[in-house]
C-alpha cells in the first residue's frame, strides 16, 4: 500500500432500507457481483482502507458479502444519510487518516477510474474538498480533509454533507459525465442493468 492509500479511508454508505425498491438494493445482482459488492470492488482499487456503513438488513447483507472490509453498523440509520456519515466518520477518527472519501452503494457507474480522478485531484493539488458536481448542487462521491471530520460527525439529517461542501472555500468539483446515476427503483435498476450488461 502506498502512502496515499494509507492516508485515504473510503466510507461506503449502504445503510438504507431500499423502501422504493421492494428488495434489498445492496444485494441486487450487478456484473457478477452484488450492487454493494461491486462498489466495494471499485473502492478497493483506490484504497485498501474501505469501510461500509450498514443499517437496515445489516445481518442479511453481511452474510452475503465476500469481500474483506470493515463493517460499521449504524443503529440510527432511520435518521438519514447524515446520521450514517456522522457515525462512520466517528469510527474512523480512532485511526490517523488524512482524508475520507464518502460514496454511495447505489451509483455503480462511478467506477474506480472516477474515484481515482477524485483522489488524484485531492492529493495532487491539496484541496480541502474534492466533490462531484450535479446540476443543482455538489455532492458525493467526495473527499474531505481530516479538518472536516468534526463537522461530518455532527451531521444528523437526510441531506448528508451538502452544506459542508457548499461552505468550503478550497474546493474542486468534477463532472461525472452522466455516470452519477442513483438506482432508486426496480424499473431504473432493470433498465440500467441491461445497459450495463450490454457493455460487458
C-alpha atoms as a PDB file:
ATOM      1  CA  UNK A   1       0.000   0.000   0.000  1.00  0.00           C
ATOM      2  CA  UNK A   2       1.430   3.360  -0.947  1.00  0.00           C
ATOM      3  CA  UNK A   3       1.396   6.406   1.309  1.00  0.00           C
ATOM      4  CA  UNK A   4      -1.685   7.898  -0.311  1.00  0.00           C
ATOM      5  CA  UNK A   5      -3.644   4.710   0.265  1.00  0.00           C
ATOM      6  CA  UNK A   6      -2.654   4.737   3.940  1.00  0.00           C
ATOM      7  CA  UNK A   7      -3.857   8.306   4.199  1.00  0.00           C
ATOM      8  CA  UNK A   8      -7.220   7.851   2.452  1.00  0.00           C
ATOM      9  CA  UNK A   9     -10.138   5.988   4.000  1.00  0.00           C
ATOM     10  CA  UNK A  10     -13.180   5.193   1.883  1.00  0.00           C
ATOM     11  CA  UNK A  11     -16.577   5.184   3.567  1.00  0.00           C
ATOM     12  CA  UNK A  12     -19.380   3.484   1.624  1.00  0.00           C
ATOM     13  CA  UNK A  13     -22.899   4.413   2.727  1.00  0.00           C
ATOM     14  CA  UNK A  14     -25.160   1.356   2.472  1.00  0.00           C
ATOM     15  CA  UNK A  15     -27.493   1.707   5.463  1.00  0.00           C
ATOM     16  CA  UNK A  16     -30.803   2.494   3.761  1.00  0.00           C
ATOM     17  CA  UNK A  17     -33.864   0.255   3.666  1.00  0.00           C
ATOM     18  CA  UNK A  18     -34.393   0.495  -0.116  1.00  0.00           C
ATOM     19  CA  UNK A  19     -38.088   1.175   0.533  1.00  0.00           C
ATOM     20  CA  UNK A  20     -38.771   2.228  -3.056  1.00  0.00           C
ATOM     21  CA  UNK A  21     -37.108  -0.894  -4.451  1.00  0.00           C
ATOM     22  CA  UNK A  22     -39.190  -3.526  -2.708  1.00  0.00           C
ATOM     23  CA  UNK A  23     -35.968  -5.544  -2.440  1.00  0.00           C
ATOM     24  CA  UNK A  24     -32.642  -5.188  -0.636  1.00  0.00           C
ATOM     25  CA  UNK A  25     -30.904  -2.863  -3.079  1.00  0.00           C
ATOM     26  CA  UNK A  26     -27.430  -3.580  -1.753  1.00  0.00           C
ATOM     27  CA  UNK A  27     -27.779  -7.257  -2.742  1.00  0.00           C
ATOM     28  CA  UNK A  28     -29.210  -6.835  -6.248  1.00  0.00           C
ATOM     29  CA  UNK A  29     -27.033  -8.566  -8.879  1.00  0.00           C
ATOM     30  CA  UNK A  30     -24.570  -6.342 -10.737  1.00  0.00           C
ATOM     31  CA  UNK A  31     -21.825  -7.529 -13.094  1.00  0.00           C
ATOM     32  CA  UNK A  32     -21.391 -10.913 -11.483  1.00  0.00           C
ATOM     33  CA  UNK A  33     -21.490  -9.413  -8.002  1.00  0.00           C
ATOM     34  CA  UNK A  34     -23.994  -7.555  -5.852  1.00  0.00           C
ATOM     35  CA  UNK A  35     -24.564  -3.817  -6.043  1.00  0.00           C
ATOM     36  CA  UNK A  36     -22.649  -3.314  -2.792  1.00  0.00           C
ATOM     37  CA  UNK A  37     -20.023  -5.884  -3.712  1.00  0.00           C
ATOM     38  CA  UNK A  38     -19.382  -4.079  -6.999  1.00  0.00           C
ATOM     39  CA  UNK A  39     -18.995  -0.775  -5.149  1.00  0.00           C
ATOM     40  CA  UNK A  40     -16.544  -2.302  -2.691  1.00  0.00           C
ATOM     41  CA  UNK A  41     -14.535  -3.770  -5.576  1.00  0.00           C
ATOM     42  CA  UNK A  42     -14.215  -0.315  -7.160  1.00  0.00           C
ATOM     43  CA  UNK A  43     -13.229   1.295  -3.854  1.00  0.00           C
ATOM     44  CA  UNK A  44     -10.545  -1.289  -3.137  1.00  0.00           C
ATOM     45  CA  UNK A  45      -8.756  -0.312  -6.344  1.00  0.00           C
ATOM     46  CA  UNK A  46      -8.313   3.172  -4.877  1.00  0.00           C
ATOM     47  CA  UNK A  47      -7.514   2.403  -1.227  1.00  0.00           C
ATOM     48  CA  UNK A  48      -7.157  -0.678   0.940  1.00  0.00           C
ATOM     49  CA  UNK A  49      -8.855   1.151   3.800  1.00  0.00           C
ATOM     50  CA  UNK A  50     -12.500   0.529   2.862  1.00  0.00           C
ATOM     51  CA  UNK A  51     -15.312   0.777   5.400  1.00  0.00           C
ATOM     52  CA  UNK A  52     -19.041   0.129   4.913  1.00  0.00           C
ATOM     53  CA  UNK A  53     -21.851   1.646   6.970  1.00  0.00           C
ATOM     54  CA  UNK A  54     -24.798  -0.746   7.218  1.00  0.00           C
ATOM     55  CA  UNK A  55     -28.143  -0.240   8.916  1.00  0.00           C
ATOM     56  CA  UNK A  56     -31.326  -1.823   7.572  1.00  0.00           C
ATOM     57  CA  UNK A  57     -30.984  -5.553   6.808  1.00  0.00           C
ATOM     58  CA  UNK A  58     -27.415  -5.431   8.103  1.00  0.00           C
ATOM     59  CA  UNK A  59     -27.170  -9.089   9.125  1.00  0.00           C
ATOM     60  CA  UNK A  60     -28.541 -10.351   5.798  1.00  0.00           C
ATOM     61  CA  UNK A  61     -26.178  -8.091   3.863  1.00  0.00           C
ATOM     62  CA  UNK A  62     -23.142  -9.076   5.959  1.00  0.00           C
ATOM     63  CA  UNK A  63     -23.800 -12.755   5.254  1.00  0.00           C
ATOM     64  CA  UNK A  64     -23.695 -12.118   1.504  1.00  0.00           C
ATOM     65  CA  UNK A  65     -20.505 -10.044   1.462  1.00  0.00           C
ATOM     66  CA  UNK A  66     -17.454 -11.965   0.338  1.00  0.00           C
ATOM     67  CA  UNK A  67     -15.006  -9.058   0.492  1.00  0.00           C
ATOM     68  CA  UNK A  68     -12.730  -8.277   3.396  1.00  0.00           C
ATOM     69  CA  UNK A  69     -13.987  -4.898   4.620  1.00  0.00           C
ATOM     70  CA  UNK A  70     -14.712  -3.364   7.987  1.00  0.00           C
ATOM     71  CA  UNK A  71     -18.425  -3.010   8.726  1.00  0.00           C
ATOM     72  CA  UNK A  72     -19.869  -0.209  10.850  1.00  0.00           C
ATOM     73  CA  UNK A  73     -23.482  -0.822  11.956  1.00  0.00           C
ATOM     74  CA  UNK A  74     -25.457   2.385  12.373  1.00  0.00           C
ATOM     75  CA  UNK A  75     -28.407   1.649  14.652  1.00  0.00           C
ATOM     76  CA  UNK A  76     -29.765   5.137  13.922  1.00  0.00           C
ATOM     77  CA  UNK A  77     -29.849   4.616  10.151  1.00  0.00           C
ATOM     78  CA  UNK A  78     -33.502   5.766  10.001  1.00  0.00           C
ATOM     79  CA  UNK A  79     -32.270   9.281  10.799  1.00  0.00           C
ATOM     80  CA  UNK A  80     -30.938   9.531   7.238  1.00  0.00           C
ATOM     81  CA  UNK A  81     -27.711   9.755   5.307  1.00  0.00           C
ATOM     82  CA  UNK A  82     -26.240  12.425   7.560  1.00  0.00           C
ATOM     83  CA  UNK A  83     -26.515  10.041  10.503  1.00  0.00           C
ATOM     84  CA  UNK A  84     -24.599   7.330   8.644  1.00  0.00           C
ATOM     85  CA  UNK A  85     -21.877   9.765   7.616  1.00  0.00           C
ATOM     86  CA  UNK A  86     -21.556  11.012  11.200  1.00  0.00           C
ATOM     87  CA  UNK A  87     -21.403   7.505  12.622  1.00  0.00           C
ATOM     88  CA  UNK A  88     -18.904   6.254  10.056  1.00  0.00           C
ATOM     89  CA  UNK A  89     -16.573   9.228  10.463  1.00  0.00           C
ATOM     90  CA  UNK A  90     -16.736   8.924  14.262  1.00  0.00           C
ATOM     91  CA  UNK A  91     -15.456   5.349  13.915  1.00  0.00           C
ATOM     92  CA  UNK A  92     -12.684   6.431  11.542  1.00  0.00           C
ATOM     93  CA  UNK A  93     -11.389   9.076  13.935  1.00  0.00           C
ATOM     94  CA  UNK A  94      -9.660   6.444  16.028  1.00  0.00           C
ATOM     95  CA  UNK A  95      -7.322   5.958  13.055  1.00  0.00           C
ATOM     96  CA  UNK A  96      -4.989   8.573  11.581  1.00  0.00           C
ATOM     97  CA  UNK A  97      -6.334   9.157   8.108  1.00  0.00           C
ATOM     98  CA  UNK A  98      -5.580  12.347   6.246  1.00  0.00           C
ATOM     99  CA  UNK A  99      -8.888  12.254   4.409  1.00  0.00           C
ATOM    100  CA  UNK A 100     -12.088  10.313   3.825  1.00  0.00           C
ATOM    101  CA  UNK A 101     -13.797   9.583   0.505  1.00  0.00           C
ATOM    102  CA  UNK A 102     -17.531   9.260   1.102  1.00  0.00           C
ATOM    103  CA  UNK A 103     -19.548   7.421  -1.537  1.00  0.00           C
ATOM    104  CA  UNK A 104     -22.880   5.664  -2.028  1.00  0.00           C
ATOM    105  CA  UNK A 105     -23.510   1.983  -2.642  1.00  0.00           C
ATOM    106  CA  UNK A 106     -26.042   2.623  -5.421  1.00  0.00           C
ATOM    107  CA  UNK A 107     -24.048   4.524  -8.062  1.00  0.00           C
ATOM    108  CA  UNK A 108     -22.458   1.596  -9.922  1.00  0.00           C
ATOM    109  CA  UNK A 109     -21.354   3.607 -12.955  1.00  0.00           C
ATOM    110  CA  UNK A 110     -18.953   5.641 -10.808  1.00  0.00           C
ATOM    111  CA  UNK A 111     -16.153   3.128 -11.118  1.00  0.00           C
ATOM    112  CA  UNK A 112     -12.598   3.024  -9.833  1.00  0.00           C
ATOM    113  CA  UNK A 113     -11.410   5.309 -12.635  1.00  0.00           C
ATOM    114  CA  UNK A 114     -13.679   8.100 -11.436  1.00  0.00           C
ATOM    115  CA  UNK A 115     -12.773   7.588  -7.782  1.00  0.00           C
ATOM    116  CA  UNK A 116      -9.088   7.695  -8.739  1.00  0.00           C
ATOM    117  CA  UNK A 117      -9.676  11.001 -10.505  1.00  0.00           C
ATOM    118  CA  UNK A 118     -11.080  12.441  -7.270  1.00  0.00           C
ATOM    119  CA  UNK A 119      -8.133  11.079  -5.319  1.00  0.00           C
ATOM    120  CA  UNK A 120      -5.515  12.438  -7.729  1.00  0.00           C
ATOM    121  CA  UNK A 121      -7.049  15.904  -7.614  1.00  0.00           C
ATOM    122  CA  UNK A 122      -7.191  15.867  -3.819  1.00  0.00           C
ATOM    123  CA  UNK A 123      -3.639  14.721  -3.166  1.00  0.00           C
ATOM    124  CA  UNK A 124      -2.127  16.380  -6.210  1.00  0.00           C
ATOM    125  CA  UNK A 125      -3.429  19.874  -5.595  1.00  0.00           C
ATOM    126  CA  UNK A 126      -4.110  19.917  -1.834  1.00  0.00           C
ATOM    127  CA  UNK A 127      -7.758  20.897  -1.966  1.00  0.00           C
ATOM    128  CA  UNK A 128      -9.734  20.615   1.282  1.00  0.00           C
ATOM    129  CA  UNK A 129     -12.682  19.070  -0.557  1.00  0.00           C
ATOM    130  CA  UNK A 130     -12.982  17.380  -3.942  1.00  0.00           C
ATOM    131  CA  UNK A 131     -16.635  16.725  -4.773  1.00  0.00           C
ATOM    132  CA  UNK A 132     -18.867  15.508  -7.574  1.00  0.00           C
ATOM    133  CA  UNK A 133     -20.809  18.181  -9.460  1.00  0.00           C
ATOM    134  CA  UNK A 134     -24.535  17.759 -10.089  1.00  0.00           C
ATOM    135  CA  UNK A 135     -26.862  20.139 -11.993  1.00  0.00           C
ATOM    136  CA  UNK A 136     -28.127  21.920  -8.851  1.00  0.00           C
ATOM    137  CA  UNK A 137     -25.542  21.066  -6.190  1.00  0.00           C
ATOM    138  CA  UNK A 138     -22.232  19.392  -5.410  1.00  0.00           C
ATOM    139  CA  UNK A 139     -22.185  16.110  -3.542  1.00  0.00           C
ATOM    140  CA  UNK A 140     -20.719  12.658  -3.072  1.00  0.00           C
ATOM    141  CA  UNK A 141     -18.607  10.881  -4.015  1.00  0.00           C
ATOM    142  CA  UNK A 142     -16.457  13.470  -2.296  1.00  0.00           C
ATOM    143  CA  UNK A 143     -13.149  13.560  -0.444  1.00  0.00           C
ATOM    144  CA  UNK A 144     -12.863  15.596   2.743  1.00  0.00           C
ATOM    145  CA  UNK A 145      -9.680  16.649   4.511  1.00  0.00           C
ATOM    146  CA  UNK A 146      -9.461  15.465   8.131  1.00  0.00           C
ATOM    147  CA  UNK A 147     -10.076  19.049   9.277  1.00  0.00           C
ATOM    148  CA  UNK A 148     -13.724  18.427   8.312  1.00  0.00           C
ATOM    149  CA  UNK A 149     -14.138  15.266  10.383  1.00  0.00           C
ATOM    150  CA  UNK A 150     -15.627  17.102  13.379  1.00  0.00           C
ATOM    151  CA  UNK A 151     -18.235  18.779  11.161  1.00  0.00           C
ATOM    152  CA  UNK A 152     -19.056  15.491   9.457  1.00  0.00           C
ATOM    153  CA  UNK A 153     -19.546  13.868  12.859  1.00  0.00           C
ATOM    154  CA  UNK A 154     -22.256  16.373  13.691  1.00  0.00           C
ATOM    155  CA  UNK A 155     -24.490  15.569  10.706  1.00  0.00           C
ATOM    156  CA  UNK A 156     -27.858  14.056  11.550  1.00  0.00           C
ATOM    157  CA  UNK A 157     -30.218  14.713   8.661  1.00  0.00           C
ATOM    158  CA  UNK A 158     -31.027  13.134   5.326  1.00  0.00           C
ATOM    159  CA  UNK A 159     -29.273  15.654   3.069  1.00  0.00           C
ATOM    160  CA  UNK A 160     -25.827  14.460   4.037  1.00  0.00           C
ATOM    161  CA  UNK A 161     -22.782  16.718   3.684  1.00  0.00           C
ATOM    162  CA  UNK A 162     -24.054  19.166   1.056  1.00  0.00           C
ATOM    163  CA  UNK A 163     -23.871  22.253   3.250  1.00  0.00           C
ATOM    164  CA  UNK A 164     -20.312  21.383   4.339  1.00  0.00           C
ATOM    165  CA  UNK A 165     -19.296  21.089   0.686  1.00  0.00           C
ATOM    166  CA  UNK A 166     -21.050  24.340  -0.164  1.00  0.00           C
ATOM    167  CA  UNK A 167     -19.263  26.226   2.620  1.00  0.00           C
ATOM    168  CA  UNK A 168     -15.761  25.121   1.617  1.00  0.00           C
ATOM    169  CA  UNK A 169     -13.607  27.822   0.019  1.00  0.00           C
ATOM    170  CA  UNK A 170     -10.861  25.413  -1.108  1.00  0.00           C
ATOM    171  CA  UNK A 171     -12.834  23.001  -3.235  1.00  0.00           C
ATOM    172  CA  UNK A 172     -12.521  21.252  -6.583  1.00  0.00           C
ATOM    173  CA  UNK A 173     -15.574  19.777  -8.319  1.00  0.00           C
ATOM    174  CA  UNK A 174     -15.502  17.112 -11.002  1.00  0.00           C
ATOM    175  CA  UNK A 175     -18.160  16.450 -13.630  1.00  0.00           C
ATOM    176  CA  UNK A 176     -19.151  12.760 -13.540  1.00  0.00           C
ATOM    177  CA  UNK A 177     -20.390  12.970 -17.159  1.00  0.00           C
ATOM    178  CA  UNK A 178     -23.802  11.318 -16.626  1.00  0.00           C
ATOM    179  CA  UNK A 179     -22.312   8.441 -14.617  1.00  0.00           C
ATOM    180  CA  UNK A 180     -23.644   9.574 -11.233  1.00  0.00           C
ATOM    181  CA  UNK A 181     -26.961   7.749 -11.517  1.00  0.00           C
ATOM    182  CA  UNK A 182     -28.642   6.644  -8.285  1.00  0.00           C
ATOM    183  CA  UNK A 183     -30.599   3.405  -8.591  1.00  0.00           C
ATOM    184  CA  UNK A 184     -33.729   4.022  -6.504  1.00  0.00           C
ATOM    185  CA  UNK A 185     -36.449   1.958  -8.208  1.00  0.00           C
ATOM    186  CA  UNK A 186     -36.603  -1.532  -9.624  1.00  0.00           C
ATOM    187  CA  UNK A 187     -37.531  -0.084 -13.030  1.00  0.00           C
ATOM    188  CA  UNK A 188     -34.370   2.035 -13.130  1.00  0.00           C
ATOM    189  CA  UNK A 189     -32.340  -0.955 -11.961  1.00  0.00           C
ATOM    190  CA  UNK A 190     -33.651  -3.230 -14.714  1.00  0.00           C
ATOM    191  CA  UNK A 191     -33.085  -0.583 -17.378  1.00  0.00           C
ATOM    192  CA  UNK A 192     -29.532   0.222 -16.264  1.00  0.00           C
ATOM    193  CA  UNK A 193     -28.601  -3.395 -15.639  1.00  0.00           C
ATOM    194  CA  UNK A 194     -29.499  -4.182 -19.252  1.00  0.00           C
ATOM    195  CA  UNK A 195     -27.382  -1.252 -20.430  1.00  0.00           C
ATOM    196  CA  UNK A 196     -24.523  -2.373 -18.188  1.00  0.00           C
ATOM    197  CA  UNK A 197     -24.726  -5.967 -19.420  1.00  0.00           C
ATOM    198  CA  UNK A 198     -24.545  -4.727 -22.997  1.00  0.00           C
ATOM    199  CA  UNK A 199     -21.158  -3.189 -22.233  1.00  0.00           C
ATOM    200  CA  UNK A 200     -19.603  -6.308 -20.747  1.00  0.00           C
END
